[in-house]
């Protein structure tokens, strides 16, 4: 994604994914203009002390300079109000801390796979057109559609303009959300949506595949020919726009795979199992990697990485160049792997194998302590939050190599014990791919 996607839509869906997806529903009835709440006093600190009204006047001037009409500014103004509750949600959000198998078991459940297949059949013409024009397989589009909103059933219920301008005034990501606010005004200006139709997530994402307004402006297409790009109600527009974004925003490679489950041998050089390491499939085959049923990998030069979302004893995947589209859509490895896996299931792949034994996971407090020790050792793990993000995984791998442990990026009690002990263990030689 041009900008890192937030971990919002899937978090919201976790609460409702235990039940079958609802039928597509229209957006809520048009609401009254939202009411304002007072900003926190610290919010003005990054705006040269300007209060919200002065800040908003400047944003409106920037919008006009960007081509937004005064008519649109006037129509949108009742909705451009501050809500401290939105900012509180943003600062209090929690990213994924579940095991991949738990998260994928809920989010890539059979009902969502079946709904994806049903939507592909129901909108066959639009999916076929999108694949021909953009090269993105229907299953890939349908998986994002299902994960982001359960095919339109859960798009959010908050006024988008209020969310955007509140986050723009907050100091955490002000510049980003100023740009998103101006993009939302452009959506109104070109006639795609009206201010009161703009209802979505608390972070300002819109539509059935939860586009931020900048992506709505840049990639939404009119696939049903009605003169509007309506990602809230028009399934053809949703399909075509999502394909356009994946192809041109995320640089999808036409005709290439994205993710496949594999089986890895016990003596695989674990330090090579990383998205930053690519080898031809023929090389992985030489190292003993096979398909889950034992069939050999193709003896070709197609580059791929071995992805172990839960370490060497959990599920294993071959991640291809197209998998980068998933990590750009959402930089959570759990979400991106789940989205890629769900797409394979919609396309007809078998369910992934269950681990032979339960995979041990460090408790939250111990994982947070491990992150603190990694920071003390000089690593940048991002936020010390007890959640295993990609920066934490990279640091874990580095320390595993130092201590001569299997370098599969999965934090273990043994690694934590070594680091608590002060790091005196001598590194042992690791096998390498030659």
Protein backbone atom coordinates (compact mmCIF):
# COMPACT_ATOMS: atom_id res chain seq x y z
CA UNK A 1 0.00 0.00 0.00
CA UNK A 2 1.21 3.52 -0.67
CA UNK A 3 0.65 4.18 3.03
CA UNK A 4 0.69 1.44 5.63
CA UNK A 5 -2.80 0.13 6.12
CA UNK A 6 -4.29 0.21 9.61
CA UNK A 7 -5.29 -2.90 11.45
CA UNK A 8 -8.89 -1.86 11.79
CA UNK A 9 -11.34 -3.66 9.57
CA UNK A 10 -10.15 -7.12 10.56
CA UNK A 11 -10.16 -6.22 14.25
CA UNK A 12 -13.75 -5.13 13.93
CA UNK A 13 -14.63 -8.33 12.12
CA UNK A 14 -13.14 -10.48 14.89
CA UNK A 15 -16.12 -9.63 17.04
CA UNK A 16 -18.58 -10.87 14.48
CA UNK A 17 -16.71 -13.61 12.62
CA UNK A 18 -18.09 -16.39 14.77
CA UNK A 19 -21.40 -16.01 12.99
CA UNK A 20 -22.10 -16.45 9.31
CA UNK A 21 -21.73 -13.42 7.09
CA UNK A 22 -24.87 -11.36 6.69
CA UNK A 23 -26.35 -10.54 3.30
CA UNK A 24 -25.13 -7.32 1.72
CA UNK A 25 -26.86 -4.40 3.34
CA UNK A 26 -27.05 -0.76 2.28
CA UNK A 27 -25.34 1.91 4.34
CA UNK A 28 -27.20 3.19 7.39
CA UNK A 29 -29.90 5.80 6.94
CA UNK A 30 -28.52 9.27 6.37
CA UNK A 31 -27.49 10.64 9.78
CA UNK A 32 -27.73 14.12 11.11
CA UNK A 33 -24.54 16.14 11.03
CA UNK A 34 -22.23 14.91 13.81
CA UNK A 35 -21.73 16.85 17.01
CA UNK A 36 -18.35 18.16 18.07
CA UNK A 37 -16.46 17.37 21.24
CA UNK A 38 -13.60 19.41 22.70
CA UNK A 39 -10.06 18.51 21.69
CA UNK A 40 -7.43 17.57 24.22
CA UNK A 41 -5.32 20.66 25.05
CA UNK A 42 -2.20 18.94 23.75
CA UNK A 43 -3.69 18.57 20.26
CA UNK A 44 -2.70 22.13 19.31
CA UNK A 45 0.97 21.52 20.14
CA UNK A 46 1.89 20.44 16.60
CA UNK A 47 -0.10 23.24 14.93
CA UNK A 48 1.78 26.25 16.32
CA UNK A 49 -0.81 26.54 19.06
CA UNK A 50 -3.70 26.92 16.62
CA UNK A 51 -7.06 25.83 17.95
CA UNK A 52 -9.21 23.45 15.95
CA UNK A 53 -11.19 26.17 14.16
CA UNK A 54 -8.03 27.87 12.92
CA UNK A 55 -6.56 24.51 11.92
CA UNK A 56 -9.72 23.59 10.02
CA UNK A 57 -9.72 26.89 8.17
CA UNK A 58 -6.20 26.11 6.97
CA UNK A 59 -7.23 22.62 5.84
CA UNK A 60 -10.09 24.13 3.85
CA UNK A 61 -7.68 26.53 2.18
CA UNK A 62 -5.42 23.63 1.27
CA UNK A 63 -8.40 21.76 -0.17
CA UNK A 64 -9.39 24.73 -2.35
CA UNK A 65 -5.78 25.02 -3.54
CA UNK A 66 -5.98 21.31 -4.44
CA UNK A 67 -9.01 21.96 -6.63
CA UNK A 68 -11.94 21.34 -4.29
CA UNK A 69 -14.86 23.68 -4.97
CA UNK A 70 -16.28 26.14 -2.47
CA UNK A 71 -19.65 24.41 -2.93
CA UNK A 72 -18.19 21.13 -1.64
CA UNK A 73 -16.49 22.91 1.26
CA UNK A 74 -19.85 24.39 2.25
CA UNK A 75 -21.66 21.03 1.96
CA UNK A 76 -19.01 19.23 4.00
CA UNK A 77 -18.51 21.86 6.71
CA UNK A 78 -21.27 20.60 9.08
CA UNK A 79 -19.46 17.23 9.14
CA UNK A 80 -15.96 18.62 9.70
CA UNK A 81 -16.11 18.58 13.50
CA UNK A 82 -13.70 17.31 16.11
CA UNK A 83 -14.35 14.16 18.15
CA UNK A 84 -11.90 13.34 20.91
CA UNK A 85 -13.40 9.85 21.08
CA UNK A 86 -12.00 9.06 17.62
CA UNK A 87 -8.53 10.11 18.73
CA UNK A 88 -8.86 8.01 21.87
CA UNK A 89 -9.72 4.98 19.74
CA UNK A 90 -6.68 5.56 17.56
CA UNK A 91 -4.35 5.82 20.52
CA UNK A 92 -5.88 2.80 22.20
CA UNK A 93 -5.96 0.41 19.24
CA UNK A 94 -4.49 -3.04 19.69
CA UNK A 95 -2.88 -4.95 16.88
CA UNK A 96 -2.92 -8.69 16.39
CA UNK A 97 -1.53 -10.74 19.24
CA UNK A 98 -3.12 -14.10 18.47
CA UNK A 99 -1.48 -17.19 17.08
CA UNK A 100 -1.75 -17.29 13.31
CA UNK A 101 -3.71 -20.55 13.39
CA UNK A 102 -6.25 -19.02 15.79
CA UNK A 103 -6.66 -15.84 13.77
CA UNK A 104 -6.80 -17.63 10.42
CA UNK A 105 -9.17 -20.23 11.85
CA UNK A 106 -11.67 -17.46 12.59
CA UNK A 107 -11.05 -15.04 9.74
CA UNK A 108 -10.56 -17.64 6.99
CA UNK A 109 -13.37 -19.87 8.26
CA UNK A 110 -15.17 -22.13 5.77
CA UNK A 111 -18.24 -19.88 5.63
CA UNK A 112 -16.12 -16.96 4.43
CA UNK A 113 -14.44 -19.15 1.81
CA UNK A 114 -17.86 -20.33 0.62
CA UNK A 115 -19.23 -16.79 0.55
CA UNK A 116 -16.25 -15.74 -1.51
CA UNK A 117 -16.92 -18.47 -4.04
CA UNK A 118 -20.61 -17.55 -4.14
CA UNK A 119 -19.82 -13.88 -4.76
CA UNK A 120 -17.48 -14.82 -7.59
CA UNK A 121 -20.31 -16.74 -9.22
CA UNK A 122 -22.90 -14.03 -8.56
CA UNK A 123 -20.70 -11.32 -10.10
CA UNK A 124 -18.92 -13.46 -12.67
CA UNK A 125 -18.95 -10.81 -15.40
CA UNK A 126 -17.34 -8.13 -13.23
CA UNK A 127 -14.72 -10.54 -11.88
CA UNK A 128 -13.88 -11.78 -15.39
CA UNK A 129 -13.55 -8.22 -16.65
CA UNK A 130 -11.32 -7.27 -13.71
CA UNK A 131 -9.05 -10.26 -14.25
CA UNK A 132 -8.75 -9.50 -17.96
CA UNK A 133 -8.04 -5.80 -17.44
CA UNK A 134 -5.89 -5.95 -14.31
CA UNK A 135 -4.60 -9.52 -14.07
CA UNK A 136 -5.85 -10.03 -10.51
CA UNK A 137 -7.54 -13.42 -9.89
CA UNK A 138 -11.12 -13.33 -8.54
CA UNK A 139 -10.11 -15.23 -5.39
CA UNK A 140 -7.61 -12.53 -4.45
CA UNK A 141 -10.24 -9.79 -4.73
CA UNK A 142 -12.87 -11.86 -2.94
CA UNK A 143 -10.57 -12.63 -0.01
CA UNK A 144 -9.92 -8.96 0.71
CA UNK A 145 -13.61 -8.22 0.22
CA UNK A 146 -14.56 -10.86 2.76
CA UNK A 147 -11.94 -9.93 5.34
CA UNK A 148 -12.48 -6.20 5.17
CA UNK A 149 -16.27 -6.06 5.45
CA UNK A 150 -17.81 -9.53 5.05
CA UNK A 151 -18.84 -8.49 1.55
CA UNK A 152 -20.38 -5.21 2.61
CA UNK A 153 -22.10 -6.31 5.79
CA UNK A 154 -19.69 -4.52 8.16
CA UNK A 155 -18.39 -1.27 6.68
CA UNK A 156 -18.48 0.80 9.86
CA UNK A 157 -21.06 3.27 11.16
CA UNK A 158 -19.19 6.49 11.88
CA UNK A 159 -19.13 9.76 9.90
CA UNK A 160 -15.98 9.64 7.79
CA UNK A 161 -15.29 13.37 7.66
CA UNK A 162 -15.48 13.69 11.42
CA UNK A 163 -13.03 10.80 11.85
CA UNK A 164 -10.57 12.17 9.31
CA UNK A 165 -10.48 15.74 10.53
CA UNK A 166 -10.19 14.64 14.17
CA UNK A 167 -7.19 12.45 13.37
CA UNK A 168 -5.76 15.26 11.24
CA UNK A 169 -5.82 17.65 14.20
CA UNK A 170 -4.23 15.06 16.47
CA UNK A 171 -0.45 15.24 16.41
CA UNK A 172 0.31 11.54 15.86
CA UNK A 173 -0.25 11.39 12.07
CA UNK A 174 -1.49 14.86 11.26
CA UNK A 175 -0.02 15.28 7.78
CA UNK A 176 -1.34 11.92 6.63
CA UNK A 177 -4.89 12.65 7.76
CA UNK A 178 -4.89 16.17 6.37
CA UNK A 179 -4.21 14.56 3.00
CA UNK A 180 -6.94 12.00 3.63
CA UNK A 181 -9.41 14.75 4.57
CA UNK A 182 -8.68 16.64 1.35
CA UNK A 183 -9.05 13.39 -0.63
CA UNK A 184 -12.45 12.80 0.97
CA UNK A 185 -13.53 16.27 -0.12
CA UNK A 186 -12.41 15.42 -3.66
CA UNK A 187 -14.63 12.32 -3.59
CA UNK A 188 -17.57 14.57 -2.77
CA UNK A 189 -16.52 17.16 -5.33
CA UNK A 190 -16.52 14.72 -8.23
CA UNK A 191 -19.96 13.39 -7.29
CA UNK A 192 -19.13 9.88 -6.08
CA UNK A 193 -20.57 10.31 -2.56
CA UNK A 194 -22.28 13.03 -0.55
CA UNK A 195 -21.03 14.07 2.90
CA UNK A 196 -23.87 12.26 4.69
CA UNK A 197 -23.24 9.08 2.67
CA UNK A 198 -19.68 8.94 3.92
CA UNK A 199 -20.07 6.42 6.72
CA UNK A 200 -17.25 4.03 7.54
CA UNK A 201 -14.67 2.91 10.09
CA UNK A 202 -13.43 5.17 12.87
CA UNK A 203 -10.17 5.65 10.95
CA UNK A 204 -11.88 7.05 7.89
CA UNK A 205 -11.81 4.00 5.64
CA UNK A 206 -14.67 3.72 3.19
CA UNK A 207 -16.54 1.03 1.32
CA UNK A 208 -16.70 -2.71 1.06
CA UNK A 209 -12.93 -3.15 0.77
CA UNK A 210 -12.19 -0.27 3.17
CA UNK A 211 -10.28 2.21 1.03
CA UNK A 212 -8.67 5.21 2.62
CA UNK A 213 -9.86 8.31 0.75
CA UNK A 214 -6.54 8.82 -1.05
CA UNK A 215 -6.85 5.32 -2.50
CA UNK A 216 -10.52 5.93 -3.29
CA UNK A 217 -9.56 9.00 -5.32
CA UNK A 218 -6.65 7.31 -7.08
CA UNK A 219 -8.01 3.82 -7.77
CA UNK A 220 -11.81 3.74 -7.61
CA UNK A 221 -13.38 3.03 -11.02
CA UNK A 222 -16.93 3.21 -12.35
CA UNK A 223 -17.53 -0.44 -13.30
CA UNK A 224 -21.32 -0.32 -13.51
CA UNK A 225 -21.41 2.67 -15.84
CA UNK A 226 -23.65 4.93 -13.74
CA UNK A 227 -21.19 7.81 -13.72
CA UNK A 228 -20.21 7.39 -10.04
CA UNK A 229 -17.53 5.41 -8.24
CA UNK A 230 -19.61 4.00 -5.41
CA UNK A 231 -17.68 1.58 -3.21
CA UNK A 232 -20.46 1.45 -0.63
CA UNK A 233 -23.28 0.04 -2.75
CA UNK A 234 -22.06 -1.02 -6.19
CA UNK A 235 -20.53 -4.50 -6.24
CA UNK A 236 -19.08 -4.02 -9.77
CA UNK A 237 -17.40 -0.80 -8.65
CA UNK A 238 -16.00 -2.62 -5.60
CA UNK A 239 -14.60 -5.45 -7.73
CA UNK A 240 -13.07 -3.24 -10.41
CA UNK A 241 -11.65 -0.70 -7.96
CA UNK A 242 -10.09 -3.35 -5.73
CA UNK A 243 -8.50 -5.01 -8.76
CA UNK A 244 -7.18 -1.65 -9.96
CA UNK A 245 -5.64 -0.90 -6.58
CA UNK A 246 -4.05 -4.35 -6.25
CA UNK A 247 -2.67 -4.22 -9.78
CA UNK A 248 -1.49 -0.64 -10.01
CA UNK A 249 -1.14 0.42 -6.39
CA UNK A 250 0.35 -2.81 -5.05
CA UNK A 251 2.09 -3.89 -8.30
CA UNK A 252 0.49 -7.31 -8.72
CA UNK A 253 2.26 -9.61 -11.20
CA UNK A 254 -0.18 -11.03 -13.69
CA UNK A 255 -0.24 -14.83 -13.90
CA UNK A 256 2.02 -15.46 -10.90
CA UNK A 257 1.11 -17.22 -7.63
CA UNK A 258 1.05 -15.50 -4.25
CA UNK A 259 1.11 -18.15 -1.49
CA UNK A 260 1.18 -21.94 -1.25
CA UNK A 261 1.35 -24.23 1.74
CA UNK A 262 4.48 -26.37 1.91
CA UNK A 263 6.13 -28.98 4.10
CA UNK A 264 9.60 -28.23 5.45
CA UNK A 265 12.25 -30.71 6.62
CA UNK A 266 13.61 -30.66 10.16
CA UNK A 267 17.10 -29.77 8.96
CA UNK A 268 16.17 -26.76 6.85
CA UNK A 269 18.61 -23.83 7.29
CA UNK A 270 16.16 -21.81 9.36
CA UNK A 271 17.97 -18.51 8.99
CA UNK A 272 16.96 -18.60 5.33
CA UNK A 273 13.25 -18.76 6.20
CA UNK A 274 12.43 -15.10 5.87
CA UNK A 275 10.52 -12.87 3.46
CA UNK A 276 13.77 -11.01 2.80
CA UNK A 277 15.41 -14.21 1.49
CA UNK A 278 14.38 -15.46 -1.94
CA UNK A 279 15.59 -18.63 -3.62
CA UNK A 280 14.50 -20.41 -6.80
CA UNK A 281 11.96 -23.15 -6.13
CA UNK A 282 14.52 -25.62 -7.45
CA UNK A 283 16.88 -24.62 -4.60
CA UNK A 284 14.15 -25.04 -1.99
CA UNK A 285 13.38 -28.44 -3.50
CA UNK A 286 17.04 -29.44 -3.12
CA UNK A 287 16.80 -28.49 0.55
CA UNK A 288 13.89 -30.90 1.05
CA UNK A 289 10.92 -28.55 0.82
CA UNK A 290 7.86 -30.22 -0.71
CA UNK A 291 4.14 -29.69 -1.02
CA UNK A 292 2.16 -30.85 2.04
CA UNK A 293 1.33 -34.21 0.45
CA UNK A 294 4.97 -34.88 -0.38
CA UNK A 295 4.84 -33.91 -4.06
CA UNK A 296 8.02 -32.17 -5.19
CA UNK A 297 8.14 -28.49 -5.94
CA UNK A 298 8.56 -27.50 -9.57
CA UNK A 299 12.19 -27.61 -10.67
CA UNK A 300 12.21 -24.02 -11.93
CA UNK A 301 13.72 -20.63 -11.17
CA UNK A 302 10.59 -18.92 -9.85
CA UNK A 303 11.81 -16.98 -6.82
CA UNK A 304 10.09 -17.60 -3.50
CA UNK A 305 10.56 -17.22 0.24
CA UNK A 306 9.74 -19.69 2.98
CA UNK A 307 7.32 -18.10 5.45
CA UNK A 308 6.92 -19.56 8.95
CA UNK A 309 4.30 -17.43 10.74
CA UNK A 310 4.61 -19.55 13.90
CA UNK A 311 8.15 -20.82 13.61
CA UNK A 312 9.49 -24.14 12.38
CA UNK A 313 6.84 -26.28 14.14
CA UNK A 314 3.86 -24.37 12.78
CA UNK A 315 2.35 -24.02 9.31
CA UNK A 316 4.77 -23.29 6.45
CA UNK A 317 4.16 -21.40 3.23
CA UNK A 318 5.95 -20.57 0.03
CA UNK A 319 5.54 -16.82 -0.44
CA UNK A 320 6.04 -15.45 -3.93
CA UNK A 321 6.64 -11.92 -5.21
CA UNK A 322 2.89 -11.24 -5.23
CA UNK A 323 2.76 -11.79 -1.49
CA UNK A 324 4.29 -8.32 -1.17
CA UNK A 325 0.88 -6.96 -2.21
CA UNK A 326 -0.57 -8.47 0.96
CA UNK A 327 2.05 -7.01 3.29
CA UNK A 328 1.57 -3.63 1.61
CA UNK A 329 -2.22 -3.84 2.00
CA UNK A 330 -1.71 -4.54 5.71
CA UNK A 331 1.70 -4.80 7.32
CA UNK A 332 0.53 -7.22 10.00
CA UNK A 333 2.05 -10.57 9.07
CA UNK A 334 -0.88 -12.40 10.66
CA UNK A 335 -3.42 -10.45 8.63
CA UNK A 336 -1.48 -10.59 5.35
CA UNK A 337 -0.81 -14.32 5.63
CA UNK A 338 -4.46 -14.95 6.51
CA UNK A 339 -5.61 -12.90 3.51
CA UNK A 340 -3.28 -14.79 1.18
CA UNK A 341 -4.32 -18.13 2.64
CA UNK A 342 -8.03 -17.30 2.37
CA UNK A 343 -7.50 -16.42 -1.29
CA UNK A 344 -5.93 -19.85 -1.90
CA UNK A 345 -8.89 -21.51 -0.20
CA UNK A 346 -11.40 -19.57 -2.29
CA UNK A 347 -9.38 -20.64 -5.34
CA UNK A 348 -9.74 -24.30 -4.34
CA UNK A 349 -6.73 -25.14 -2.16
CA UNK A 350 -7.08 -27.65 0.65
CA UNK A 351 -7.16 -26.49 4.30
CA UNK A 352 -3.73 -26.05 5.82
CA UNK A 353 -2.35 -28.85 7.92
CA UNK A 354 -2.63 -28.63 11.66
CA UNK A 355 0.68 -28.56 13.59
CA UNK A 356 1.71 -31.98 14.86
CA UNK A 357 1.83 -30.56 18.39
CA UNK A 358 0.64 -27.29 19.95
CA UNK A 359 3.01 -24.42 19.21
CA UNK A 360 4.17 -22.74 22.40
CA UNK A 361 3.65 -18.98 22.54
CA UNK A 362 5.25 -16.67 25.07
CA UNK A 363 2.71 -14.99 27.34
CA UNK A 364 2.09 -11.32 26.67
CA UNK A 365 4.22 -10.07 29.57
CA UNK A 366 7.16 -12.30 28.62
CA UNK A 367 7.00 -11.28 24.98
CA UNK A 368 6.99 -7.66 26.05
CA UNK A 369 10.01 -8.32 28.27
CA UNK A 370 11.77 -10.00 25.36
CA UNK A 371 11.11 -6.90 23.25
CA UNK A 372 12.58 -4.72 26.01
CA UNK A 373 15.71 -6.91 26.09
CA UNK A 374 15.98 -6.70 22.31
CA UNK A 375 15.83 -2.91 22.54
CA UNK A 376 18.57 -2.99 25.17
CA UNK A 377 20.60 -5.12 22.76
CA UNK A 378 20.34 -2.37 20.16
CA UNK A 379 17.44 -3.54 18.02
CA UNK A 380 14.55 -1.44 16.77
CA UNK A 381 11.41 -3.49 17.43
CA UNK A 382 8.96 -0.65 16.89
CA UNK A 383 6.51 -0.30 19.74
CA UNK A 384 7.21 -2.46 22.81
CA UNK A 385 3.68 -3.78 23.02
CA UNK A 386 3.84 -7.55 23.53
CA UNK A 387 2.86 -8.16 19.90
CA UNK A 388 5.20 -9.95 17.49
CA UNK A 389 5.50 -7.55 14.56
CA UNK A 390 7.93 -7.90 11.68
CA UNK A 391 10.59 -5.75 13.34
CA UNK A 392 10.42 -7.92 16.45
CA UNK A 393 10.65 -11.05 14.32
CA UNK A 394 13.79 -9.77 12.59
CA UNK A 395 15.40 -8.99 15.95
CA UNK A 396 14.44 -12.42 17.31
CA UNK A 397 16.08 -14.09 14.31
CA UNK A 398 19.29 -12.12 14.82
CA UNK A 399 19.50 -13.18 18.46
CA UNK A 400 18.68 -16.78 17.60
CA UNK A 401 21.63 -16.78 15.21
CA UNK A 402 23.84 -15.28 17.92
CA UNK A 403 22.91 -18.01 20.41
CA UNK A 404 23.02 -20.87 17.91
CA UNK A 405 19.30 -21.52 18.19
CA UNK A 406 17.10 -22.46 15.21
CA UNK A 407 16.67 -19.06 13.57
CA UNK A 408 13.00 -19.28 12.63
CA UNK A 409 12.01 -15.84 14.03
CA UNK A 410 9.69 -17.40 16.61
CA UNK A 411 10.32 -16.22 20.20
CA UNK A 412 10.77 -19.04 22.68
CA UNK A 413 11.24 -19.44 26.39
CA UNK A 414 14.80 -20.62 25.70
CA UNK A 415 15.66 -17.42 23.84
CA UNK A 416 14.15 -15.31 26.61
CA UNK A 417 16.17 -17.24 29.21
CA UNK A 418 19.39 -16.72 27.23
CA UNK A 419 18.75 -13.00 26.96
CA UNK A 420 17.87 -12.71 30.63
CA UNK A 421 21.20 -14.37 31.35
CA UNK A 422 23.12 -11.57 29.73
CA UNK A 423 23.89 -13.01 26.33
CA UNK A 424 27.12 -14.87 27.15
CA UNK A 425 26.36 -17.94 25.02
CA UNK A 426 28.64 -18.47 22.06
CA UNK A 427 27.10 -18.52 18.63
CA UNK A 428 27.09 -21.91 16.96
CA UNK A 429 27.55 -22.36 13.22
CA UNK A 430 24.34 -22.27 11.17
CA UNK A 431 23.73 -24.09 7.93
CA UNK A 432 23.58 -21.79 4.91
CA UNK A 433 22.16 -22.02 1.44
CA UNK A 434 24.93 -22.09 -1.13
